[in-house]
């Protein structure tokens, strides 16, 4: 069965409208590498007070593709997870030789989808995927499979990675160069039966989160990427 993205949304620091995303998709604008986060005004102030950049981004992009079915499961994908919180734990261990239990709060890999489920009342469950060997294609296949096989009517896919702490950036290598990949999040509602943008894990559009988002953008808005 072919799978389509019926709706999608994206969030990055400093991007406020379709013009910003068009410039990015066409290779004319880069995403800033900073810790700016969505405001999440629709959530309770006490709830959002301690949320990290990646958790805030995840909640925002999922919020922007709602509504979804009561039985729609979430597949969350990230290469780094709660990186800033993990760094704070490592720093505490290196400097103090000990860890406080409170340091683990909200630091685990599945924190962003769990918080999104709470904030947006998503009760169907979620899967948190860390792609092996840095393969976004493998993660995308995990999200597409339930729909393509007929096991699910639709799946909510969400990807997010936050800004690197300065101390980690020089060691990032690979994607993003020495400054580390830019913070980015997007969500897409995947379903069968046509309608929306056709998606597949079988071509270059699955090479990276950025390539996948550009495919969605090009297909919907007709932008041309300047290579």
C-alpha atoms as a PDB file:
ATOM      1  CA  UNK A   1       0.000   0.000   0.000  1.00  0.00           C
ATOM      2  CA  UNK A   2       1.276   3.482  -0.835  1.00  0.00           C
ATOM      3  CA  UNK A   3       1.645   5.863   2.104  1.00  0.00           C
ATOM      4  CA  UNK A   4       0.935   9.599   2.051  1.00  0.00           C
ATOM      5  CA  UNK A   5       1.591  12.518   4.381  1.00  0.00           C
ATOM      6  CA  UNK A   6      -1.829  14.091   4.708  1.00  0.00           C
ATOM      7  CA  UNK A   7      -0.512  17.009   6.785  1.00  0.00           C
ATOM      8  CA  UNK A   8       2.869  18.098   8.067  1.00  0.00           C
ATOM      9  CA  UNK A   9       4.412  20.864  10.143  1.00  0.00           C
ATOM     10  CA  UNK A  10       7.923  21.993  11.032  1.00  0.00           C
ATOM     11  CA  UNK A  11       9.654  24.215  13.571  1.00  0.00           C
ATOM     12  CA  UNK A  12      13.150  25.717  13.761  1.00  0.00           C
ATOM     13  CA  UNK A  13      14.637  28.728  15.580  1.00  0.00           C
ATOM     14  CA  UNK A  14      13.816  32.034  13.926  1.00  0.00           C
ATOM     15  CA  UNK A  15      11.451  30.558  11.325  1.00  0.00           C
ATOM     16  CA  UNK A  16       8.063  32.248  11.537  1.00  0.00           C
ATOM     17  CA  UNK A  17       6.290  31.572   8.249  1.00  0.00           C
ATOM     18  CA  UNK A  18       6.157  29.825   4.919  1.00  0.00           C
ATOM     19  CA  UNK A  19       8.612  32.302   3.399  1.00  0.00           C
ATOM     20  CA  UNK A  20      11.327  31.248   5.842  1.00  0.00           C
ATOM     21  CA  UNK A  21      10.777  27.576   5.062  1.00  0.00           C
ATOM     22  CA  UNK A  22      10.702  28.258   1.338  1.00  0.00           C
ATOM     23  CA  UNK A  23      14.089  29.976   1.569  1.00  0.00           C
ATOM     24  CA  UNK A  24      15.481  27.040   3.562  1.00  0.00           C
ATOM     25  CA  UNK A  25      14.096  24.446   1.151  1.00  0.00           C
ATOM     26  CA  UNK A  26      15.618  26.293  -1.781  1.00  0.00           C
ATOM     27  CA  UNK A  27      19.002  26.408  -0.081  1.00  0.00           C
ATOM     28  CA  UNK A  28      18.901  30.170   0.501  1.00  0.00           C
ATOM     29  CA  UNK A  29      18.672  30.183   4.284  1.00  0.00           C
ATOM     30  CA  UNK A  30      20.271  28.122   7.054  1.00  0.00           C
ATOM     31  CA  UNK A  31      18.668  27.168  10.351  1.00  0.00           C
ATOM     32  CA  UNK A  32      20.329  29.050  13.253  1.00  0.00           C
ATOM     33  CA  UNK A  33      22.207  26.902  15.746  1.00  0.00           C
ATOM     34  CA  UNK A  34      20.800  28.272  18.991  1.00  0.00           C
ATOM     35  CA  UNK A  35      18.587  27.198  21.874  1.00  0.00           C
ATOM     36  CA  UNK A  36      15.447  29.159  20.964  1.00  0.00           C
ATOM     37  CA  UNK A  37      12.285  27.165  21.703  1.00  0.00           C
ATOM     38  CA  UNK A  38       8.548  27.391  20.962  1.00  0.00           C
ATOM     39  CA  UNK A  39       6.583  29.314  23.568  1.00  0.00           C
ATOM     40  CA  UNK A  40       3.807  26.680  23.939  1.00  0.00           C
ATOM     41  CA  UNK A  41       1.306  29.264  25.183  1.00  0.00           C
ATOM     42  CA  UNK A  42      -1.483  26.679  24.990  1.00  0.00           C
ATOM     43  CA  UNK A  43       0.077  24.585  27.793  1.00  0.00           C
ATOM     44  CA  UNK A  44       0.039  25.192  31.532  1.00  0.00           C
ATOM     45  CA  UNK A  45       2.910  27.464  32.679  1.00  0.00           C
ATOM     46  CA  UNK A  46       3.964  25.020  35.383  1.00  0.00           C
ATOM     47  CA  UNK A  47       4.021  22.174  32.851  1.00  0.00           C
ATOM     48  CA  UNK A  48       6.236  23.935  30.324  1.00  0.00           C
ATOM     49  CA  UNK A  49       8.548  25.671  32.817  1.00  0.00           C
ATOM     50  CA  UNK A  50      11.284  23.017  32.814  1.00  0.00           C
ATOM     51  CA  UNK A  51      10.908  21.668  29.284  1.00  0.00           C
ATOM     52  CA  UNK A  52      13.977  21.415  27.058  1.00  0.00           C
ATOM     53  CA  UNK A  53      14.278  22.681  23.498  1.00  0.00           C
ATOM     54  CA  UNK A  54      13.705  19.236  21.982  1.00  0.00           C
ATOM     55  CA  UNK A  55      10.616  18.560  24.085  1.00  0.00           C
ATOM     56  CA  UNK A  56       9.141  21.971  23.282  1.00  0.00           C
ATOM     57  CA  UNK A  57       9.809  21.509  19.556  1.00  0.00           C
ATOM     58  CA  UNK A  58       8.249  18.043  19.590  1.00  0.00           C
ATOM     59  CA  UNK A  59       5.101  19.255  21.315  1.00  0.00           C
ATOM     60  CA  UNK A  60       4.793  22.208  18.918  1.00  0.00           C
ATOM     61  CA  UNK A  61       5.054  20.293  15.639  1.00  0.00           C
ATOM     62  CA  UNK A  62       2.651  17.598  16.814  1.00  0.00           C
ATOM     63  CA  UNK A  63       0.221  20.264  18.002  1.00  0.00           C
ATOM     64  CA  UNK A  64       0.323  21.834  14.548  1.00  0.00           C
ATOM     65  CA  UNK A  65      -0.840  18.673  12.725  1.00  0.00           C
ATOM     66  CA  UNK A  66      -3.717  17.849  15.077  1.00  0.00           C
ATOM     67  CA  UNK A  67      -6.353  16.486  15.097  1.00  0.00           C
ATOM     68  CA  UNK A  68      -5.537  12.800  14.764  1.00  0.00           C
ATOM     69  CA  UNK A  69      -7.618   9.714  15.430  1.00  0.00           C
ATOM     70  CA  UNK A  70      -8.058   8.365  18.937  1.00  0.00           C
ATOM     71  CA  UNK A  71      -6.194   5.208  17.867  1.00  0.00           C
ATOM     72  CA  UNK A  72      -3.362   6.982  16.029  1.00  0.00           C
ATOM     73  CA  UNK A  73      -0.001   5.986  17.464  1.00  0.00           C
ATOM     74  CA  UNK A  74       3.019   8.264  17.550  1.00  0.00           C
ATOM     75  CA  UNK A  75       6.450   7.272  16.213  1.00  0.00           C
ATOM     76  CA  UNK A  76       9.099   9.632  17.573  1.00  0.00           C
ATOM     77  CA  UNK A  77      12.542   9.746  15.932  1.00  0.00           C
ATOM     78  CA  UNK A  78      15.697  11.447  17.182  1.00  0.00           C
ATOM     79  CA  UNK A  79      19.439  11.013  16.714  1.00  0.00           C
ATOM     80  CA  UNK A  80      20.415  12.691  19.990  1.00  0.00           C
ATOM     81  CA  UNK A  81      17.394  12.915  22.286  1.00  0.00           C
ATOM     82  CA  UNK A  82      17.655  15.085  25.395  1.00  0.00           C
ATOM     83  CA  UNK A  83      21.245  16.038  24.627  1.00  0.00           C
ATOM     84  CA  UNK A  84      21.508  19.133  26.815  1.00  0.00           C
ATOM     85  CA  UNK A  85      20.183  17.275  29.862  1.00  0.00           C
ATOM     86  CA  UNK A  86      22.495  14.345  29.159  1.00  0.00           C
ATOM     87  CA  UNK A  87      25.416  16.756  28.993  1.00  0.00           C
ATOM     88  CA  UNK A  88      24.474  18.265  32.349  1.00  0.00           C
ATOM     89  CA  UNK A  89      24.535  14.773  33.863  1.00  0.00           C
ATOM     90  CA  UNK A  90      27.952  14.040  32.350  1.00  0.00           C
ATOM     91  CA  UNK A  91      29.299  17.361  33.601  1.00  0.00           C
ATOM     92  CA  UNK A  92      27.966  16.711  37.085  1.00  0.00           C
ATOM     93  CA  UNK A  93      29.630  13.293  37.112  1.00  0.00           C
ATOM     94  CA  UNK A  94      32.945  14.699  35.857  1.00  0.00           C
ATOM     95  CA  UNK A  95      33.034  17.677  38.214  1.00  0.00           C
ATOM     96  CA  UNK A  96      31.407  16.264  41.350  1.00  0.00           C
ATOM     97  CA  UNK A  97      32.050  12.542  40.978  1.00  0.00           C
ATOM     98  CA  UNK A  98      28.424  11.895  41.910  1.00  0.00           C
ATOM     99  CA  UNK A  99      24.906  12.317  40.576  1.00  0.00           C
ATOM    100  CA  UNK A 100      21.815  13.724  42.193  1.00  0.00           C
ATOM    101  CA  UNK A 101      18.646  11.706  41.458  1.00  0.00           C
ATOM    102  CA  UNK A 102      16.862  14.863  40.316  1.00  0.00           C
ATOM    103  CA  UNK A 103      19.348  15.171  37.449  1.00  0.00           C
ATOM    104  CA  UNK A 104      17.677  12.252  35.707  1.00  0.00           C
ATOM    105  CA  UNK A 105      14.315  14.011  35.629  1.00  0.00           C
ATOM    106  CA  UNK A 106      13.148  14.515  32.042  1.00  0.00           C
ATOM    107  CA  UNK A 107      16.505  13.323  30.664  1.00  0.00           C
ATOM    108  CA  UNK A 108      15.585   9.944  29.134  1.00  0.00           C
ATOM    109  CA  UNK A 109      15.279   9.389  25.390  1.00  0.00           C
ATOM    110  CA  UNK A 110      11.487   9.023  25.355  1.00  0.00           C
ATOM    111  CA  UNK A 111      10.869  12.257  27.298  1.00  0.00           C
ATOM    112  CA  UNK A 112       9.722  14.331  24.267  1.00  0.00           C
ATOM    113  CA  UNK A 113       6.984  11.949  23.032  1.00  0.00           C
ATOM    114  CA  UNK A 114       5.845  11.242  26.585  1.00  0.00           C
ATOM    115  CA  UNK A 115       5.466  14.953  27.316  1.00  0.00           C
ATOM    116  CA  UNK A 116       3.708  15.479  23.981  1.00  0.00           C
ATOM    117  CA  UNK A 117       1.243  12.735  24.858  1.00  0.00           C
ATOM    118  CA  UNK A 118       0.502  14.452  28.177  1.00  0.00           C
ATOM    119  CA  UNK A 119       0.305  17.982  26.789  1.00  0.00           C
ATOM    120  CA  UNK A 120      -1.851  17.090  23.774  1.00  0.00           C
ATOM    121  CA  UNK A 121      -3.930  14.256  25.244  1.00  0.00           C
ATOM    122  CA  UNK A 122      -2.601  11.565  22.908  1.00  0.00           C
ATOM    123  CA  UNK A 123      -3.756   8.282  24.388  1.00  0.00           C
ATOM    124  CA  UNK A 124      -2.928   5.692  21.714  1.00  0.00           C
ATOM    125  CA  UNK A 125       0.699   5.183  22.747  1.00  0.00           C
ATOM    126  CA  UNK A 126       4.052   5.945  21.158  1.00  0.00           C
ATOM    127  CA  UNK A 127       7.303   4.371  20.009  1.00  0.00           C
ATOM    128  CA  UNK A 128      10.625   6.188  20.458  1.00  0.00           C
ATOM    129  CA  UNK A 129      13.147   5.257  17.755  1.00  0.00           C
ATOM    130  CA  UNK A 130      16.893   5.843  17.894  1.00  0.00           C
ATOM    131  CA  UNK A 131      18.043   5.115  14.310  1.00  0.00           C
ATOM    132  CA  UNK A 132      20.966   2.692  14.177  1.00  0.00           C
ATOM    133  CA  UNK A 133      24.082   3.891  12.316  1.00  0.00           C
ATOM    134  CA  UNK A 134      22.525   7.337  11.953  1.00  0.00           C
ATOM    135  CA  UNK A 135      20.016   6.012   9.410  1.00  0.00           C
ATOM    136  CA  UNK A 136      16.894   8.119   9.071  1.00  0.00           C
ATOM    137  CA  UNK A 137      15.760   5.634   6.417  1.00  0.00           C
ATOM    138  CA  UNK A 138      15.525   2.867   9.027  1.00  0.00           C
ATOM    139  CA  UNK A 139      13.450   5.083  11.306  1.00  0.00           C
ATOM    140  CA  UNK A 140      11.152   6.116   8.466  1.00  0.00           C
ATOM    141  CA  UNK A 141      10.607   2.475   7.544  1.00  0.00           C
ATOM    142  CA  UNK A 142       9.504   1.792  11.125  1.00  0.00           C
ATOM    143  CA  UNK A 143       6.924   4.575  10.844  1.00  0.00           C
ATOM    144  CA  UNK A 144       5.672   3.584   7.379  1.00  0.00           C
ATOM    145  CA  UNK A 145       5.398  -0.155   8.011  1.00  0.00           C
ATOM    146  CA  UNK A 146       2.151  -0.221  10.048  1.00  0.00           C
ATOM    147  CA  UNK A 147       0.313   1.802   7.400  1.00  0.00           C
ATOM    148  CA  UNK A 148       1.891   0.086   4.391  1.00  0.00           C
ATOM    149  CA  UNK A 149       1.030  -3.354   5.823  1.00  0.00           C
ATOM    150  CA  UNK A 150      -2.542  -2.394   6.704  1.00  0.00           C
ATOM    151  CA  UNK A 151      -1.941  -2.834  10.432  1.00  0.00           C
ATOM    152  CA  UNK A 152      -2.749   0.832  11.130  1.00  0.00           C
ATOM    153  CA  UNK A 153      -5.000   3.360   9.440  1.00  0.00           C
ATOM    154  CA  UNK A 154      -2.596   6.210  10.151  1.00  0.00           C
ATOM    155  CA  UNK A 155       0.627   6.942  12.055  1.00  0.00           C
ATOM    156  CA  UNK A 156       1.844  10.235  13.461  1.00  0.00           C
ATOM    157  CA  UNK A 157       5.571  10.610  12.711  1.00  0.00           C
ATOM    158  CA  UNK A 158       7.582  13.177  14.655  1.00  0.00           C
ATOM    159  CA  UNK A 159      11.285  13.944  14.355  1.00  0.00           C
ATOM    160  CA  UNK A 160      13.263  16.324  16.578  1.00  0.00           C
ATOM    161  CA  UNK A 161      16.856  17.082  17.485  1.00  0.00           C
ATOM    162  CA  UNK A 162      17.955  20.021  19.570  1.00  0.00           C
ATOM    163  CA  UNK A 163      20.961  22.320  19.436  1.00  0.00           C
ATOM    164  CA  UNK A 164      24.329  20.918  20.504  1.00  0.00           C
ATOM    165  CA  UNK A 165      25.850  22.178  23.745  1.00  0.00           C
ATOM    166  CA  UNK A 166      28.926  24.204  22.835  1.00  0.00           C
ATOM    167  CA  UNK A 167      31.157  21.651  24.546  1.00  0.00           C
ATOM    168  CA  UNK A 168      29.899  18.865  22.249  1.00  0.00           C
ATOM    169  CA  UNK A 169      29.817  20.742  18.955  1.00  0.00           C
ATOM    170  CA  UNK A 170      33.490  20.336  18.077  1.00  0.00           C
ATOM    171  CA  UNK A 171      33.150  16.552  18.332  1.00  0.00           C
ATOM    172  CA  UNK A 172      29.922  16.193  16.351  1.00  0.00           C
ATOM    173  CA  UNK A 173      31.474  15.215  13.007  1.00  0.00           C
ATOM    174  CA  UNK A 174      29.304  13.806  10.237  1.00  0.00           C
ATOM    175  CA  UNK A 175      26.042  15.666   9.700  1.00  0.00           C
ATOM    176  CA  UNK A 176      26.266  19.367  10.377  1.00  0.00           C
ATOM    177  CA  UNK A 177      30.042  19.770  10.482  1.00  0.00           C
ATOM    178  CA  UNK A 178      31.986  20.988  13.473  1.00  0.00           C
ATOM    179  CA  UNK A 179      29.106  23.098  14.831  1.00  0.00           C
ATOM    180  CA  UNK A 180      26.753  20.135  14.977  1.00  0.00           C
ATOM    181  CA  UNK A 181      23.465  19.711  13.112  1.00  0.00           C
ATOM    182  CA  UNK A 182      21.008  22.580  13.438  1.00  0.00           C
ATOM    183  CA  UNK A 183      17.969  22.186  15.746  1.00  0.00           C
ATOM    184  CA  UNK A 184      14.939  21.042  13.781  1.00  0.00           C
ATOM    185  CA  UNK A 185      11.604  19.324  14.348  1.00  0.00           C
ATOM    186  CA  UNK A 186       8.769  18.214  12.119  1.00  0.00           C
ATOM    187  CA  UNK A 187       5.678  16.036  12.278  1.00  0.00           C
ATOM    188  CA  UNK A 188       3.687  14.320   9.541  1.00  0.00           C
ATOM    189  CA  UNK A 189       0.412  12.424   9.633  1.00  0.00           C
ATOM    190  CA  UNK A 190       0.970   9.300   7.527  1.00  0.00           C
ATOM    191  CA  UNK A 191      -1.904   7.320   6.026  1.00  0.00           C
ATOM    192  CA  UNK A 192      -2.892   5.201   3.050  1.00  0.00           C
ATOM    193  CA  UNK A 193      -5.488   5.668   0.353  1.00  0.00           C
ATOM    194  CA  UNK A 194      -4.098   8.745  -1.384  1.00  0.00           C
ATOM    195  CA  UNK A 195      -4.348  12.414  -0.541  1.00  0.00           C
ATOM    196  CA  UNK A 196      -1.340  14.482   0.427  1.00  0.00           C
ATOM    197  CA  UNK A 197       2.316  13.876  -0.401  1.00  0.00           C
ATOM    198  CA  UNK A 198       3.433  10.352  -1.263  1.00  0.00           C
ATOM    199  CA  UNK A 199       6.302   9.205   0.951  1.00  0.00           C
ATOM    200  CA  UNK A 200       8.684   6.278   0.654  1.00  0.00           C
ATOM    201  CA  UNK A 201      11.862   4.977   2.269  1.00  0.00           C
ATOM    202  CA  UNK A 202      13.149   3.651  -1.063  1.00  0.00           C
ATOM    203  CA  UNK A 203      14.801   6.762  -2.529  1.00  0.00           C
ATOM    204  CA  UNK A 204      16.938   9.755  -1.627  1.00  0.00           C
ATOM    205  CA  UNK A 205      14.120  11.536   0.171  1.00  0.00           C
ATOM    206  CA  UNK A 206      14.792   9.190   3.114  1.00  0.00           C
ATOM    207  CA  UNK A 207      18.513   9.929   3.337  1.00  0.00           C
ATOM    208  CA  UNK A 208      18.113  12.413   6.207  1.00  0.00           C
ATOM    209  CA  UNK A 209      15.438  14.309   8.136  1.00  0.00           C
ATOM    210  CA  UNK A 210      16.268  17.405   6.110  1.00  0.00           C
ATOM    211  CA  UNK A 211      15.881  15.539   2.786  1.00  0.00           C
ATOM    212  CA  UNK A 212      12.546  14.130   3.912  1.00  0.00           C
ATOM    213  CA  UNK A 213      11.230  17.538   4.985  1.00  0.00           C
ATOM    214  CA  UNK A 214      12.389  19.105   1.732  1.00  0.00           C
ATOM    215  CA  UNK A 215      10.528  16.389  -0.180  1.00  0.00           C
ATOM    216  CA  UNK A 216       7.338  17.231   1.696  1.00  0.00           C
ATOM    217  CA  UNK A 217       7.841  20.918   1.067  1.00  0.00           C
ATOM    218  CA  UNK A 218       8.721  20.572  -2.638  1.00  0.00           C
ATOM    219  CA  UNK A 219       5.757  18.295  -3.280  1.00  0.00           C
ATOM    220  CA  UNK A 220       3.278  20.611  -1.574  1.00  0.00           C
ATOM    221  CA  UNK A 221       4.605  24.025  -2.527  1.00  0.00           C
ATOM    222  CA  UNK A 222       6.622  23.346  -5.685  1.00  0.00           C
ATOM    223  CA  UNK A 223       9.857  24.896  -4.423  1.00  0.00           C
ATOM    224  CA  UNK A 224      13.063  24.168  -6.289  1.00  0.00           C
ATOM    225  CA  UNK A 225      16.131  23.328  -4.264  1.00  0.00           C
ATOM    226  CA  UNK A 226      19.317  24.997  -5.429  1.00  0.00           C
ATOM    227  CA  UNK A 227      22.057  22.383  -5.021  1.00  0.00           C
END
